[in-house]
Amino acid sequence: MIEVSCSPTGVYEVSTVIGGKMFDFGLHMERLGRSLSEIDMDWPMSKDEIEAMHRELIKRNKLDQGMVYMQVTRGVAERDFKFPKDTKPSIVAFTQAKNVVESEDAKTGVSVITIPDLRWARRDIKSLMLLAPVLGKQAAHEAGAFEAWMVEADGEVTEGTSSNAYIVRRNKIYTRHVTNAILAGCTRRA
């Protein structure tokens, strides 16, 4: 038997790869740094080391198009809600091949359902706490849709379970203002 223990708190980032190169990596690292800071957590390694790790993963996996997923937790510690003392953050990262540029969904659009937004008030932190989005994505799948847009009690759309929400009406783009009610996507800043 192997003993495993890990802190229940952490954050993650997903970086797009196109043509073997990272897309908007600096924006993703900026958001990672903000999320780490908001939960009072140290960087697991320097930004340069994280970038080198991403490049090595892309190279070893011969990734042309897809993503690099990286998760950072508070580290190895006894199971508890209070922050463990003197622990070093743990990091896990992997690649996933995915057609990003010529995606049929991007060409034709996707179907969307709406669901109540049941998440906590600090949605601006890209935390590992994904139960509400996971359940929403499953509800969309079961309804034959690609995505579920989360809607607050006042009827305002916050975002999708795994995407930002944009509405194009009469040649004008509408999206939620950046507040702690959404996780601001890097694409909207690019």
N, C-alpha and C. Protein backbone atom coordinates (compact mmCIF):
# COMPACT_ATOMS: atom_id res chain seq x y z
N MET A 1 0.84 -1.17 0.00
CA MET A 1 0.00 0.00 0.00
C MET A 1 0.89 1.24 0.00
N ILE A 2 0.47 2.25 -0.76
CA ILE A 2 1.19 3.52 -0.84
C ILE A 2 0.41 4.56 -0.06
N GLU A 3 1.11 5.32 0.77
CA GLU A 3 0.46 6.39 1.51
C GLU A 3 0.52 7.67 0.69
N VAL A 4 -0.63 8.30 0.50
CA VAL A 4 -0.71 9.53 -0.27
C VAL A 4 -1.46 10.56 0.57
N SER A 5 -0.93 11.76 0.62
CA SER A 5 -1.64 12.85 1.27
C SER A 5 -1.35 14.13 0.50
N CYS A 6 -2.38 14.96 0.39
CA CYS A 6 -2.22 16.20 -0.36
C CYS A 6 -3.19 17.22 0.20
N SER A 7 -2.81 18.46 0.17
CA SER A 7 -3.66 19.54 0.65
C SER A 7 -4.93 19.61 -0.20
N PRO A 8 -6.08 19.89 0.43
CA PRO A 8 -7.33 19.97 -0.32
C PRO A 8 -7.51 21.30 -1.06
N THR A 9 -6.56 22.23 -0.93
CA THR A 9 -6.71 23.52 -1.61
C THR A 9 -5.68 23.66 -2.71
N GLY A 10 -6.09 24.31 -3.78
CA GLY A 10 -5.18 24.53 -4.88
C GLY A 10 -5.83 25.30 -5.99
N VAL A 11 -5.04 25.58 -7.00
CA VAL A 11 -5.49 26.32 -8.18
C VAL A 11 -4.96 25.61 -9.42
N TYR A 12 -5.46 26.02 -10.59
CA TYR A 12 -4.98 25.40 -11.82
C TYR A 12 -5.00 26.41 -12.95
N GLU A 13 -4.31 26.07 -14.02
CA GLU A 13 -4.32 26.86 -15.25
C GLU A 13 -4.30 25.90 -16.43
N VAL A 14 -4.89 26.32 -17.52
CA VAL A 14 -4.88 25.57 -18.77
C VAL A 14 -4.37 26.51 -19.85
N SER A 15 -3.27 26.15 -20.47
CA SER A 15 -2.66 26.98 -21.52
C SER A 15 -2.85 26.32 -22.87
N THR A 16 -3.29 27.09 -23.84
CA THR A 16 -3.49 26.59 -25.20
C THR A 16 -2.16 26.50 -25.93
N VAL A 17 -2.04 25.46 -26.75
CA VAL A 17 -0.85 25.26 -27.59
C VAL A 17 -1.30 25.21 -29.04
N ILE A 18 -0.68 26.04 -29.88
CA ILE A 18 -0.97 26.07 -31.31
C ILE A 18 0.37 26.04 -32.04
N GLY A 19 0.52 25.10 -32.96
CA GLY A 19 1.77 24.97 -33.71
C GLY A 19 2.96 24.69 -32.80
N GLY A 20 2.71 23.97 -31.70
CA GLY A 20 3.78 23.62 -30.77
C GLY A 20 4.22 24.77 -29.88
N LYS A 21 3.52 25.90 -29.95
CA LYS A 21 3.88 27.09 -29.16
C LYS A 21 2.73 27.43 -28.20
N MET A 22 3.10 27.92 -27.02
CA MET A 22 2.09 28.33 -26.04
C MET A 22 1.46 29.65 -26.47
N PHE A 23 0.17 29.76 -26.28
CA PHE A 23 -0.61 30.93 -26.67
C PHE A 23 -1.02 31.69 -25.41
N ASP A 24 -0.69 32.96 -25.32
CA ASP A 24 -1.05 33.81 -24.18
C ASP A 24 -0.52 33.28 -22.85
N PHE A 25 0.66 32.65 -22.87
CA PHE A 25 1.21 32.04 -21.66
C PHE A 25 1.41 33.07 -20.55
N GLY A 26 1.88 34.26 -20.89
CA GLY A 26 2.09 35.30 -19.89
C GLY A 26 0.82 35.67 -19.15
N LEU A 27 -0.30 35.75 -19.88
CA LEU A 27 -1.59 36.06 -19.25
C LEU A 27 -2.01 34.95 -18.30
N HIS A 28 -1.75 33.70 -18.70
CA HIS A 28 -2.09 32.57 -17.83
C HIS A 28 -1.24 32.58 -16.56
N MET A 29 0.03 32.93 -16.69
CA MET A 29 0.89 33.00 -15.50
C MET A 29 0.48 34.16 -14.60
N GLU A 30 0.04 35.25 -15.20
CA GLU A 30 -0.45 36.39 -14.42
C GLU A 30 -1.68 35.97 -13.61
N ARG A 31 -2.61 35.26 -14.26
CA ARG A 31 -3.81 34.81 -13.57
C ARG A 31 -3.47 33.76 -12.50
N LEU A 32 -2.51 32.87 -12.80
CA LEU A 32 -2.07 31.89 -11.80
C LEU A 32 -1.51 32.60 -10.58
N GLY A 33 -0.66 33.60 -10.80
CA GLY A 33 -0.08 34.35 -9.70
C GLY A 33 -1.13 35.04 -8.85
N ARG A 34 -2.14 35.59 -9.51
CA ARG A 34 -3.24 36.24 -8.79
C ARG A 34 -4.01 35.23 -7.95
N SER A 35 -4.32 34.07 -8.54
CA SER A 35 -5.06 33.03 -7.81
C SER A 35 -4.25 32.53 -6.62
N LEU A 36 -2.95 32.29 -6.83
CA LEU A 36 -2.09 31.84 -5.72
C LEU A 36 -2.09 32.88 -4.60
N SER A 37 -1.97 34.13 -4.96
CA SER A 37 -1.94 35.21 -3.97
C SER A 37 -3.25 35.28 -3.19
N GLU A 38 -4.37 35.14 -3.90
CA GLU A 38 -5.69 35.24 -3.26
C GLU A 38 -5.92 34.15 -2.23
N ILE A 39 -5.27 32.98 -2.39
CA ILE A 39 -5.44 31.92 -1.39
C ILE A 39 -4.20 31.78 -0.52
N ASP A 40 -3.35 32.80 -0.53
CA ASP A 40 -2.17 32.87 0.33
C ASP A 40 -1.26 31.65 0.14
N MET A 41 -0.90 31.41 -1.11
CA MET A 41 -0.08 30.26 -1.44
C MET A 41 1.14 30.71 -2.23
N ASP A 42 2.27 30.05 -2.00
CA ASP A 42 3.50 30.37 -2.71
C ASP A 42 3.53 29.75 -4.10
N TRP A 43 4.33 30.34 -4.98
CA TRP A 43 4.59 29.73 -6.28
C TRP A 43 5.33 28.40 -6.03
N PRO A 44 5.03 27.35 -6.80
CA PRO A 44 5.71 26.07 -6.60
C PRO A 44 7.14 26.09 -7.11
N MET A 45 7.41 26.98 -8.05
CA MET A 45 8.74 27.19 -8.64
C MET A 45 8.70 28.53 -9.34
N SER A 46 9.80 28.98 -9.89
CA SER A 46 9.81 30.28 -10.56
C SER A 46 8.99 30.23 -11.85
N LYS A 47 8.58 31.40 -12.32
CA LYS A 47 7.83 31.47 -13.58
C LYS A 47 8.66 30.92 -14.74
N ASP A 48 9.95 31.20 -14.73
CA ASP A 48 10.83 30.66 -15.78
C ASP A 48 10.87 29.14 -15.74
N GLU A 49 10.90 28.57 -14.54
CA GLU A 49 10.91 27.11 -14.41
C GLU A 49 9.58 26.51 -14.87
N ILE A 50 8.48 27.19 -14.56
CA ILE A 50 7.16 26.72 -15.02
C ILE A 50 7.09 26.77 -16.54
N GLU A 51 7.59 27.84 -17.13
CA GLU A 51 7.60 27.94 -18.59
C GLU A 51 8.47 26.85 -19.20
N ALA A 52 9.63 26.60 -18.62
CA ALA A 52 10.52 25.54 -19.12
C ALA A 52 9.84 24.17 -19.00
N MET A 53 9.12 23.94 -17.91
CA MET A 53 8.40 22.69 -17.72
C MET A 53 7.33 22.53 -18.81
N HIS A 54 6.59 23.60 -19.08
CA HIS A 54 5.57 23.56 -20.14
C HIS A 54 6.22 23.23 -21.49
N ARG A 55 7.31 23.90 -21.81
CA ARG A 55 7.99 23.65 -23.09
C ARG A 55 8.47 22.20 -23.19
N GLU A 56 8.99 21.68 -22.09
CA GLU A 56 9.46 20.30 -22.08
C GLU A 56 8.30 19.32 -22.26
N LEU A 57 7.17 19.59 -21.62
CA LEU A 57 5.99 18.74 -21.80
C LEU A 57 5.52 18.74 -23.25
N ILE A 58 5.50 19.92 -23.86
CA ILE A 58 5.08 20.04 -25.26
C ILE A 58 6.04 19.27 -26.16
N LYS A 59 7.34 19.40 -25.89
CA LYS A 59 8.37 18.72 -26.69
C LYS A 59 8.28 17.20 -26.54
N ARG A 60 8.26 16.73 -25.29
CA ARG A 60 8.24 15.27 -25.05
C ARG A 60 6.99 14.60 -25.59
N ASN A 61 5.87 15.32 -25.54
CA ASN A 61 4.61 14.76 -26.02
C ASN A 61 4.32 15.09 -27.48
N LYS A 62 5.28 15.77 -28.13
CA LYS A 62 5.14 16.15 -29.55
C LYS A 62 3.77 16.80 -29.80
N LEU A 63 3.43 17.74 -28.92
CA LEU A 63 2.13 18.40 -28.99
C LEU A 63 2.15 19.53 -30.00
N ASP A 64 1.34 19.42 -31.03
CA ASP A 64 1.21 20.48 -32.02
C ASP A 64 0.06 21.42 -31.64
N GLN A 65 -1.11 20.84 -31.37
CA GLN A 65 -2.28 21.62 -30.96
C GLN A 65 -2.90 20.96 -29.74
N GLY A 66 -3.34 21.78 -28.81
CA GLY A 66 -3.99 21.24 -27.62
C GLY A 66 -3.81 22.14 -26.43
N MET A 67 -3.49 21.51 -25.29
CA MET A 67 -3.40 22.28 -24.06
C MET A 67 -2.41 21.65 -23.10
N VAL A 68 -1.93 22.50 -22.19
CA VAL A 68 -1.16 22.03 -21.04
C VAL A 68 -1.99 22.39 -19.81
N TYR A 69 -2.32 21.36 -19.03
CA TYR A 69 -3.05 21.55 -17.77
C TYR A 69 -2.05 21.50 -16.64
N MET A 70 -2.11 22.47 -15.72
CA MET A 70 -1.21 22.51 -14.57
C MET A 70 -2.03 22.78 -13.31
N GLN A 71 -1.80 21.95 -12.30
CA GLN A 71 -2.49 22.09 -11.02
C GLN A 71 -1.47 22.27 -9.91
N VAL A 72 -1.71 23.24 -9.04
CA VAL A 72 -0.82 23.52 -7.92
C VAL A 72 -1.63 23.40 -6.63
N THR A 73 -1.17 22.54 -5.71
CA THR A 73 -1.84 22.42 -4.42
C THR A 73 -0.92 22.93 -3.32
N ARG A 74 -1.48 23.08 -2.16
CA ARG A 74 -0.73 23.62 -1.03
C ARG A 74 0.39 22.68 -0.60
N GLY A 75 0.37 21.43 -1.02
CA GLY A 75 1.45 20.51 -0.73
C GLY A 75 1.02 19.29 0.05
N VAL A 76 1.99 18.45 0.36
CA VAL A 76 1.74 17.22 1.09
C VAL A 76 1.57 17.55 2.57
N ALA A 77 0.44 17.14 3.13
CA ALA A 77 0.15 17.44 4.53
C ALA A 77 -0.96 16.53 5.03
N GLU A 78 -1.12 16.49 6.33
CA GLU A 78 -2.24 15.77 6.92
C GLU A 78 -3.54 16.42 6.46
N ARG A 79 -4.60 15.65 6.32
CA ARG A 79 -5.90 16.15 5.90
C ARG A 79 -6.45 17.07 6.98
N ASP A 80 -6.65 18.34 6.64
CA ASP A 80 -7.16 19.33 7.58
C ASP A 80 -7.59 20.56 6.79
N PHE A 81 -8.45 21.39 7.36
CA PHE A 81 -8.87 22.61 6.68
C PHE A 81 -7.91 23.77 6.89
N LYS A 82 -7.21 23.79 8.02
CA LYS A 82 -6.26 24.90 8.23
C LYS A 82 -5.02 24.66 7.38
N PHE A 83 -4.35 25.77 7.04
CA PHE A 83 -3.17 25.67 6.18
C PHE A 83 -2.08 24.86 6.87
N PRO A 84 -1.48 23.92 6.16
CA PRO A 84 -0.35 23.20 6.75
C PRO A 84 0.86 24.12 6.85
N LYS A 85 1.68 23.91 7.87
CA LYS A 85 2.89 24.73 8.05
C LYS A 85 4.06 24.07 7.35
N ASP A 86 4.95 24.91 6.84
CA ASP A 86 6.22 24.44 6.28
C ASP A 86 6.06 23.38 5.19
N THR A 87 5.08 23.55 4.33
CA THR A 87 4.95 22.62 3.21
C THR A 87 5.31 23.34 1.92
N LYS A 88 5.81 22.58 0.98
CA LYS A 88 6.15 23.11 -0.34
C LYS A 88 4.99 22.78 -1.27
N PRO A 89 4.51 23.75 -2.06
CA PRO A 89 3.42 23.46 -2.98
C PRO A 89 3.76 22.29 -3.92
N SER A 90 2.73 21.50 -4.23
CA SER A 90 2.88 20.40 -5.17
C SER A 90 2.37 20.85 -6.53
N ILE A 91 2.96 20.31 -7.58
CA ILE A 91 2.56 20.68 -8.94
C ILE A 91 2.41 19.42 -9.78
N VAL A 92 1.34 19.38 -10.56
CA VAL A 92 1.09 18.29 -11.50
C VAL A 92 0.74 18.96 -12.83
N ALA A 93 1.31 18.46 -13.92
CA ALA A 93 1.01 19.03 -15.24
C ALA A 93 0.99 17.92 -16.28
N PHE A 94 0.14 18.09 -17.29
CA PHE A 94 0.08 17.14 -18.40
C PHE A 94 -0.42 17.85 -19.65
N THR A 95 -0.23 17.20 -20.80
CA THR A 95 -0.71 17.76 -22.06
C THR A 95 -1.91 16.97 -22.56
N GLN A 96 -2.69 17.60 -23.42
CA GLN A 96 -3.80 16.94 -24.08
C GLN A 96 -3.88 17.46 -25.51
N ALA A 97 -3.81 16.55 -26.47
CA ALA A 97 -3.94 16.94 -27.88
C ALA A 97 -5.40 17.29 -28.16
N LYS A 98 -5.60 18.35 -28.92
CA LYS A 98 -6.96 18.83 -29.21
C LYS A 98 -6.89 19.73 -30.42
N ASN A 99 -7.84 19.61 -31.34
CA ASN A 99 -7.87 20.48 -32.51
C ASN A 99 -8.39 21.85 -32.08
N VAL A 100 -7.50 22.80 -32.02
CA VAL A 100 -7.85 24.14 -31.55
C VAL A 100 -8.19 25.07 -32.71
N VAL A 101 -7.39 25.03 -33.75
CA VAL A 101 -7.51 25.99 -34.86
C VAL A 101 -8.69 25.67 -35.78
N GLU A 102 -8.82 24.42 -36.16
CA GLU A 102 -9.87 24.03 -37.11
C GLU A 102 -11.03 23.32 -36.43
N SER A 103 -11.37 23.72 -35.23
CA SER A 103 -12.44 23.10 -34.47
C SER A 103 -13.79 23.30 -35.16
N GLU A 104 -14.51 22.22 -35.37
CA GLU A 104 -15.83 22.30 -35.99
C GLU A 104 -16.78 23.13 -35.12
N ASP A 105 -16.65 22.99 -33.80
CA ASP A 105 -17.50 23.77 -32.88
C ASP A 105 -17.29 25.27 -33.07
N ALA A 106 -16.05 25.68 -33.29
CA ALA A 106 -15.76 27.10 -33.49
C ALA A 106 -16.35 27.60 -34.80
N LYS A 107 -16.41 26.73 -35.80
CA LYS A 107 -16.96 27.12 -37.10
C LYS A 107 -18.48 27.22 -37.09
N THR A 108 -19.13 26.26 -36.43
CA THR A 108 -20.59 26.17 -36.52
C THR A 108 -21.33 26.68 -35.30
N GLY A 109 -20.62 26.83 -34.18
CA GLY A 109 -21.27 27.20 -32.93
C GLY A 109 -21.72 25.96 -32.19
N VAL A 110 -22.14 26.15 -30.96
CA VAL A 110 -22.56 25.02 -30.12
C VAL A 110 -23.88 25.35 -29.44
N SER A 111 -24.57 24.30 -29.00
CA SER A 111 -25.82 24.51 -28.26
C SER A 111 -25.50 24.71 -26.78
N VAL A 112 -26.33 25.52 -26.14
CA VAL A 112 -26.11 25.89 -24.74
C VAL A 112 -27.43 25.80 -23.98
N ILE A 113 -27.36 25.30 -22.75
CA ILE A 113 -28.51 25.37 -21.85
C ILE A 113 -28.16 26.37 -20.75
N THR A 114 -29.15 26.77 -19.96
CA THR A 114 -28.86 27.63 -18.80
C THR A 114 -29.18 26.87 -17.53
N ILE A 115 -28.39 27.16 -16.49
CA ILE A 115 -28.57 26.55 -15.18
C ILE A 115 -28.35 27.62 -14.11
N PRO A 116 -28.89 27.44 -12.92
CA PRO A 116 -28.62 28.40 -11.84
C PRO A 116 -27.13 28.39 -11.49
N ASP A 117 -26.58 29.55 -11.19
CA ASP A 117 -25.18 29.64 -10.77
C ASP A 117 -25.12 29.41 -9.27
N LEU A 118 -24.62 28.25 -8.87
CA LEU A 118 -24.60 27.85 -7.46
C LEU A 118 -23.23 27.96 -6.82
N ARG A 119 -22.29 28.60 -7.51
CA ARG A 119 -20.92 28.66 -7.01
C ARG A 119 -20.75 29.68 -5.90
N TRP A 120 -19.58 29.66 -5.27
CA TRP A 120 -19.27 30.59 -4.18
C TRP A 120 -19.01 31.99 -4.74
N ALA A 121 -18.80 32.96 -3.87
CA ALA A 121 -18.67 34.37 -4.28
C ALA A 121 -17.32 34.72 -4.89
N ARG A 122 -16.28 33.89 -4.75
CA ARG A 122 -14.95 34.22 -5.28
C ARG A 122 -14.65 33.40 -6.54
N ARG A 123 -15.47 33.57 -7.54
CA ARG A 123 -15.32 32.84 -8.80
C ARG A 123 -14.13 33.32 -9.60
N ASP A 124 -13.54 34.45 -9.21
CA ASP A 124 -12.39 35.01 -9.91
C ASP A 124 -11.11 34.25 -9.62
N ILE A 125 -11.13 33.37 -8.63
CA ILE A 125 -9.97 32.53 -8.31
C ILE A 125 -10.14 31.21 -9.05
N LYS A 126 -9.14 30.82 -9.83
CA LYS A 126 -9.24 29.58 -10.61
C LYS A 126 -8.88 28.41 -9.70
N SER A 127 -9.80 28.11 -8.78
CA SER A 127 -9.55 27.09 -7.76
C SER A 127 -9.93 25.70 -8.27
N LEU A 128 -9.54 24.70 -7.50
CA LEU A 128 -9.87 23.31 -7.83
C LEU A 128 -11.31 22.97 -7.49
N MET A 129 -12.04 23.89 -6.88
CA MET A 129 -13.41 23.66 -6.45
C MET A 129 -14.35 23.75 -7.66
N LEU A 130 -14.56 22.63 -8.34
CA LEU A 130 -15.27 22.64 -9.62
C LEU A 130 -16.57 21.83 -9.61
N LEU A 131 -17.11 21.51 -8.44
CA LEU A 131 -18.30 20.66 -8.41
C LEU A 131 -19.47 21.26 -9.18
N ALA A 132 -19.81 22.53 -8.95
CA ALA A 132 -20.94 23.15 -9.65
C ALA A 132 -20.74 23.16 -11.17
N PRO A 133 -19.56 23.56 -11.69
CA PRO A 133 -19.36 23.49 -13.13
C PRO A 133 -19.40 22.06 -13.69
N VAL A 134 -18.87 21.10 -12.95
CA VAL A 134 -18.90 19.71 -13.41
C VAL A 134 -20.34 19.22 -13.52
N LEU A 135 -21.15 19.49 -12.49
CA LEU A 135 -22.55 19.07 -12.54
C LEU A 135 -23.30 19.79 -13.66
N GLY A 136 -22.98 21.06 -13.89
CA GLY A 136 -23.60 21.81 -14.98
C GLY A 136 -23.22 21.28 -16.34
N LYS A 137 -21.95 20.94 -16.53
CA LYS A 137 -21.49 20.39 -17.81
C LYS A 137 -22.17 19.05 -18.07
N GLN A 138 -22.33 18.24 -17.02
CA GLN A 138 -23.03 16.96 -17.17
C GLN A 138 -24.49 17.18 -17.55
N ALA A 139 -25.14 18.17 -16.93
CA ALA A 139 -26.53 18.49 -17.27
C ALA A 139 -26.64 18.91 -18.73
N ALA A 140 -25.68 19.69 -19.21
CA ALA A 140 -25.67 20.08 -20.62
C ALA A 140 -25.52 18.86 -21.51
N HIS A 141 -24.60 17.98 -21.17
CA HIS A 141 -24.38 16.76 -21.95
C HIS A 141 -25.66 15.92 -22.01
N GLU A 142 -26.30 15.75 -20.85
CA GLU A 142 -27.53 14.95 -20.80
C GLU A 142 -28.67 15.59 -21.57
N ALA A 143 -28.64 16.91 -21.74
CA ALA A 143 -29.66 17.63 -22.51
C ALA A 143 -29.30 17.73 -23.99
N GLY A 144 -28.17 17.12 -24.38
CA GLY A 144 -27.74 17.17 -25.78
C GLY A 144 -27.06 18.46 -26.16
N ALA A 145 -26.61 19.22 -25.18
CA ALA A 145 -25.94 20.50 -25.44
C ALA A 145 -24.45 20.38 -25.16
N PHE A 146 -23.70 21.33 -25.68
CA PHE A 146 -22.25 21.35 -25.47
C PHE A 146 -21.88 22.02 -24.16
N GLU A 147 -22.61 23.07 -23.79
CA GLU A 147 -22.22 23.92 -22.66
C GLU A 147 -23.45 24.32 -21.86
N ALA A 148 -23.21 24.68 -20.60
CA ALA A 148 -24.25 25.25 -19.74
C ALA A 148 -23.79 26.62 -19.29
N TRP A 149 -24.61 27.62 -19.54
CA TRP A 149 -24.32 28.96 -19.05
C TRP A 149 -24.96 29.10 -17.67
N MET A 150 -24.18 29.59 -16.73
CA MET A 150 -24.66 29.76 -15.36
C MET A 150 -25.31 31.13 -15.23
N VAL A 151 -26.48 31.15 -14.61
CA VAL A 151 -27.30 32.36 -14.52
C VAL A 151 -27.59 32.66 -13.05
N GLU A 152 -27.38 33.92 -12.66
CA GLU A 152 -27.66 34.34 -11.29
C GLU A 152 -29.16 34.53 -11.09
N ALA A 153 -29.59 34.69 -9.84
CA ALA A 153 -31.01 34.81 -9.50
C ALA A 153 -31.69 35.97 -10.23
N ASP A 154 -30.93 37.03 -10.57
CA ASP A 154 -31.51 38.18 -11.27
C ASP A 154 -31.61 37.96 -12.78
N GLY A 155 -31.23 36.77 -13.25
CA GLY A 155 -31.33 36.44 -14.66
C GLY A 155 -30.10 36.77 -15.47
N GLU A 156 -29.07 37.32 -14.84
CA GLU A 156 -27.86 37.70 -15.57
C GLU A 156 -26.92 36.50 -15.73
N VAL A 157 -26.45 36.31 -16.96
CA VAL A 157 -25.50 35.23 -17.26
C VAL A 157 -24.14 35.60 -16.67
N THR A 158 -23.52 34.66 -15.96
CA THR A 158 -22.17 34.91 -15.45
C THR A 158 -21.15 34.39 -16.45
N GLU A 159 -21.16 33.07 -16.68
CA GLU A 159 -20.22 32.45 -17.61
C GLU A 159 -20.64 31.02 -17.85
N GLY A 160 -19.93 30.34 -18.76
CA GLY A 160 -20.18 28.93 -18.99
C GLY A 160 -19.44 28.08 -17.98
N THR A 161 -19.78 26.79 -17.95
CA THR A 161 -19.12 25.89 -17.01
C THR A 161 -17.64 25.73 -17.33
N SER A 162 -17.31 25.83 -18.61
CA SER A 162 -15.90 25.72 -19.02
C SER A 162 -15.54 26.75 -20.09
N SER A 163 -16.26 27.86 -20.08
CA SER A 163 -16.02 28.89 -21.10
C SER A 163 -16.53 30.24 -20.61
N ASN A 164 -16.06 31.29 -21.25
CA ASN A 164 -16.63 32.61 -21.03
C ASN A 164 -17.87 32.71 -21.90
N ALA A 165 -18.82 33.54 -21.50
CA ALA A 165 -20.07 33.70 -22.25
C ALA A 165 -20.06 35.03 -23.01
N TYR A 166 -20.29 34.95 -24.31
CA TYR A 166 -20.39 36.13 -25.16
C TYR A 166 -21.67 36.02 -25.97
N ILE A 167 -22.38 37.11 -26.08
CA ILE A 167 -23.59 37.16 -26.90
C ILE A 167 -23.37 38.23 -27.96
N VAL A 168 -23.63 37.88 -29.21
CA VAL A 168 -23.54 38.84 -30.30
C VAL A 168 -24.97 39.17 -30.72
N ARG A 169 -25.32 40.44 -30.59
CA ARG A 169 -26.66 40.89 -30.95
C ARG A 169 -26.53 42.19 -31.72
N ARG A 170 -27.09 42.23 -32.92
CA ARG A 170 -27.04 43.40 -33.79
C ARG A 170 -25.61 43.93 -33.93
N ASN A 171 -24.69 43.02 -34.23
CA ASN A 171 -23.27 43.33 -34.47
C ASN A 171 -22.56 43.93 -33.26
N LYS A 172 -23.09 43.71 -32.07
CA LYS A 172 -22.44 44.17 -30.85
C LYS A 172 -22.21 42.96 -29.94
N ILE A 173 -21.01 42.93 -29.29
CA ILE A 173 -20.67 41.83 -28.41
C ILE A 173 -20.98 42.21 -26.97
N TYR A 174 -21.70 41.31 -26.28
CA TYR A 174 -22.03 41.50 -24.87
C TYR A 174 -21.39 40.39 -24.06
N THR A 175 -20.82 40.75 -22.92
CA THR A 175 -20.26 39.77 -21.99
C THR A 175 -20.28 40.38 -20.60
N ARG A 176 -20.15 39.55 -19.63
CA ARG A 176 -20.18 40.00 -18.23
C ARG A 176 -18.97 40.89 -17.93
N HIS A 177 -19.18 41.96 -17.16
CA HIS A 177 -18.06 42.79 -16.70
C HIS A 177 -17.17 41.96 -15.79
N VAL A 178 -15.88 42.25 -15.79
CA VAL A 178 -14.93 41.52 -14.95
C VAL A 178 -15.09 41.95 -13.50
N THR A 179 -15.57 41.02 -12.69
CA THR A 179 -15.69 41.20 -11.23
C THR A 179 -15.35 39.85 -10.60
N ASN A 180 -15.51 39.73 -9.30
CA ASN A 180 -15.27 38.44 -8.67
C ASN A 180 -16.39 37.45 -8.95
N ALA A 181 -17.41 37.85 -9.72
CA ALA A 181 -18.51 36.95 -10.08
C ALA A 181 -18.14 36.01 -11.24
N ILE A 182 -17.01 36.29 -11.92
CA ILE A 182 -16.57 35.43 -13.02
C ILE A 182 -15.07 35.19 -12.94
N LEU A 183 -14.64 34.15 -13.64
CA LEU A 183 -13.22 33.93 -13.85
C LEU A 183 -12.89 34.59 -15.18
N ALA A 184 -12.20 35.69 -15.14
CA ALA A 184 -11.90 36.44 -16.37
C ALA A 184 -11.00 35.60 -17.27
N GLY A 185 -11.48 35.31 -18.46
CA GLY A 185 -10.70 34.52 -19.40
C GLY A 185 -9.54 35.32 -19.98
N CYS A 186 -8.47 34.61 -20.30
CA CYS A 186 -7.29 35.26 -20.89
C CYS A 186 -7.58 35.72 -22.32
N THR A 187 -8.44 35.01 -23.03
CA THR A 187 -8.74 35.36 -24.43
C THR A 187 -9.36 36.74 -24.54
N ARG A 188 -10.19 37.12 -23.59
CA ARG A 188 -10.84 38.44 -23.65
C ARG A 188 -9.82 39.56 -23.51
N ARG A 189 -8.64 39.27 -22.95
CA ARG A 189 -7.59 40.28 -22.78
C ARG A 189 -6.61 40.28 -23.94
N ALA A 190 -6.60 39.23 -24.72
CA ALA A 190 -5.61 39.09 -25.80
C ALA A 190 -5.89 40.05 -26.94
